[in-house]
Amino acid sequence: MTTGPSEALHPRNRLTAAADFVAVKARGRAFRGGHCVLVALAHPDQVTRVAFVASRRGVGGAVQRNRARRRLREIVRRRWPRVPPQGYLLMFVATRSTVVAPHQDLASDVERVLAAAGALAPLTPRPTLAGGER
């Protein structure tokens, strides 16, 4: 079995410093979706970094908070190649519905807020094969 490169978010793309959280919270712009909130701060001189926040008050107990963060992280990870490599500090805040929303609804919501923040490149159409071949 061959293993390819890891698809996990690289540590340099994780928002971890307390000062960065304070900056995003104070100067960032919030984009509200149906199942999550994205707080984005344009930071042209830095690598794009992302964090996932789920509070006890906003989401629930530990199991629900972990599930909410895992669901958001996976959806963002799949779309990470479409996020600009530099210029944004992103903080996703889970809501109670993040845990129970159907996957496609949550994924559409994440794409919608990322696009509203200007942090998601549009999908490039796949080339079609001549003659309807697959």
Protein backbone atom coordinates (compact mmCIF):
# COMPACT_ATOMS: atom_id res chain seq x y z
CA MET A 1 0.00 0.00 0.00
CA THR A 2 1.42 3.35 -1.01
CA THR A 3 0.70 6.44 0.97
CA GLY A 4 0.62 9.84 -0.67
CA PRO A 5 1.25 13.18 0.93
CA SER A 6 -0.84 14.03 3.96
CA GLU A 7 -4.07 15.89 3.27
CA ALA A 8 -4.15 17.37 6.77
CA LEU A 9 -3.91 21.11 7.19
CA HIS A 10 -0.26 21.99 7.61
CA PRO A 11 0.67 23.36 11.05
CA ARG A 12 1.69 26.67 9.45
CA ASN A 13 -1.94 27.05 8.33
CA ARG A 14 -3.36 26.72 11.83
CA LEU A 15 -4.31 29.82 13.77
CA THR A 16 -3.02 29.20 17.30
CA ALA A 17 -1.56 32.40 18.78
CA ALA A 18 -3.78 34.19 21.29
CA ALA A 19 -2.80 37.56 19.79
CA ASP A 20 -4.09 36.43 16.39
CA PHE A 21 -7.42 35.36 17.89
CA VAL A 22 -7.73 38.76 19.57
CA ALA A 23 -6.93 40.53 16.28
CA VAL A 24 -9.44 38.48 14.30
CA LYS A 25 -12.12 39.03 16.92
CA ALA A 26 -11.45 42.78 17.19
CA ARG A 27 -10.82 43.73 13.56
CA GLY A 28 -12.25 40.83 11.56
CA ARG A 29 -15.49 40.89 9.64
CA ALA A 30 -18.17 38.32 10.48
CA PHE A 31 -20.00 36.38 7.77
CA ARG A 32 -23.01 34.56 9.16
CA GLY A 33 -24.18 31.34 7.60
CA GLY A 34 -27.05 29.10 8.52
CA HIS A 35 -24.84 26.64 10.40
CA CYS A 36 -21.64 28.53 11.23
CA VAL A 37 -20.05 31.96 11.39
CA LEU A 38 -16.81 32.92 9.67
CA VAL A 39 -14.79 35.78 11.10
CA ALA A 40 -12.21 36.80 8.49
CA LEU A 41 -9.40 39.31 8.71
CA ALA A 42 -7.45 40.32 5.62
CA HIS A 43 -3.75 40.09 6.43
CA PRO A 44 -1.85 40.40 3.12
CA ASP A 45 1.63 39.90 4.60
CA GLN A 46 0.87 36.56 6.32
CA VAL A 47 0.19 32.97 5.35
CA THR A 48 -3.53 32.15 5.41
CA ARG A 49 -4.37 30.46 8.69
CA VAL A 50 -7.59 28.98 10.02
CA ALA A 51 -9.10 28.08 13.41
CA PHE A 52 -12.25 26.27 14.46
CA VAL A 53 -14.07 27.41 17.59
CA ALA A 54 -16.98 25.69 19.35
CA SER A 55 -18.06 27.07 22.71
CA ARG A 56 -19.98 25.20 25.37
CA ARG A 57 -22.65 27.88 25.38
CA GLY A 58 -22.99 27.97 21.59
CA VAL A 59 -22.75 24.25 20.78
CA GLY A 60 -23.12 22.10 23.89
CA GLY A 61 -21.07 19.46 25.69
CA ALA A 62 -17.63 18.18 24.83
CA VAL A 63 -18.85 15.52 22.40
CA GLN A 64 -20.92 18.03 20.42
CA ARG A 65 -18.10 20.61 20.41
CA ASN A 66 -15.58 18.08 19.13
CA ARG A 67 -17.98 16.82 16.47
CA ALA A 68 -18.73 20.39 15.32
CA ARG A 69 -15.01 21.23 15.01
CA ARG A 70 -14.26 17.94 13.20
CA ARG A 71 -17.07 18.49 10.70
CA LEU A 72 -15.98 22.07 9.93
CA ARG A 73 -12.30 21.07 9.74
CA GLU A 74 -13.00 18.30 7.23
CA ILE A 75 -15.13 20.51 5.00
CA VAL A 76 -12.52 23.28 5.00
CA ARG A 77 -9.69 20.78 4.45
CA ARG A 78 -11.37 19.53 1.28
CA ARG A 79 -11.65 23.10 -0.02
CA TRP A 80 -8.21 24.28 1.17
CA PRO A 81 -6.62 24.17 -2.32
CA ARG A 82 -9.15 26.84 -3.37
CA VAL A 83 -8.24 29.16 -0.46
CA PRO A 84 -5.52 31.74 -1.24
CA PRO A 85 -2.16 30.70 0.28
CA GLN A 86 -1.62 34.18 1.72
CA GLY A 87 -3.72 37.04 2.95
CA TYR A 88 -6.32 35.80 5.46
CA LEU A 89 -6.79 34.88 9.09
CA LEU A 90 -9.98 32.81 9.30
CA MET A 91 -11.93 31.75 12.37
CA PHE A 92 -14.92 29.43 11.98
CA VAL A 93 -17.35 29.55 14.89
CA ALA A 94 -19.68 26.58 15.22
CA THR A 95 -23.32 26.94 16.18
CA ARG A 96 -25.70 24.36 17.62
CA SER A 97 -26.90 23.41 14.13
CA THR A 98 -23.33 22.63 12.99
CA VAL A 99 -23.62 19.28 14.75
CA VAL A 100 -26.94 18.15 13.25
CA ALA A 101 -27.00 19.77 9.81
CA PRO A 102 -26.81 17.42 6.81
CA HIS A 103 -23.28 17.30 5.43
CA GLN A 104 -24.16 18.89 2.08
CA ASP A 105 -26.00 21.78 3.78
CA LEU A 106 -23.04 22.44 6.06
CA ALA A 107 -20.56 22.21 3.16
CA SER A 108 -22.63 24.64 1.08
CA ASP A 109 -22.82 26.99 4.04
CA VAL A 110 -19.03 26.91 4.53
CA GLU A 111 -18.47 27.58 0.81
CA ARG A 112 -20.96 30.44 0.91
CA VAL A 113 -19.29 32.23 3.84
CA LEU A 114 -15.79 31.66 2.42
CA ALA A 115 -16.89 33.11 -0.93
CA ALA A 116 -18.56 36.07 0.80
CA ALA A 117 -15.26 36.78 2.59
CA GLY A 118 -13.41 36.60 -0.74
CA ALA A 119 -11.35 33.66 0.51
CA LEU A 120 -12.52 30.99 -1.93
CA ALA A 121 -11.57 30.71 -5.58
CA PRO A 122 -14.36 29.53 -7.88
CA LEU A 123 -14.37 25.95 -9.07
CA THR A 124 -12.65 25.42 -12.38
CA PRO A 125 -14.81 23.38 -14.74
CA ARG A 126 -13.53 19.94 -15.63
CA PRO A 127 -12.64 19.52 -19.29
CA THR A 128 -15.15 17.40 -21.12
CA LEU A 129 -14.05 14.57 -23.36
CA ALA A 130 -14.98 14.61 -27.03
CA GLY A 131 -17.77 12.29 -28.11
CA GLY A 132 -19.19 11.85 -24.61
CA GLU A 133 -16.45 9.42 -23.57
CA ARG A 134 -15.71 8.90 -19.93
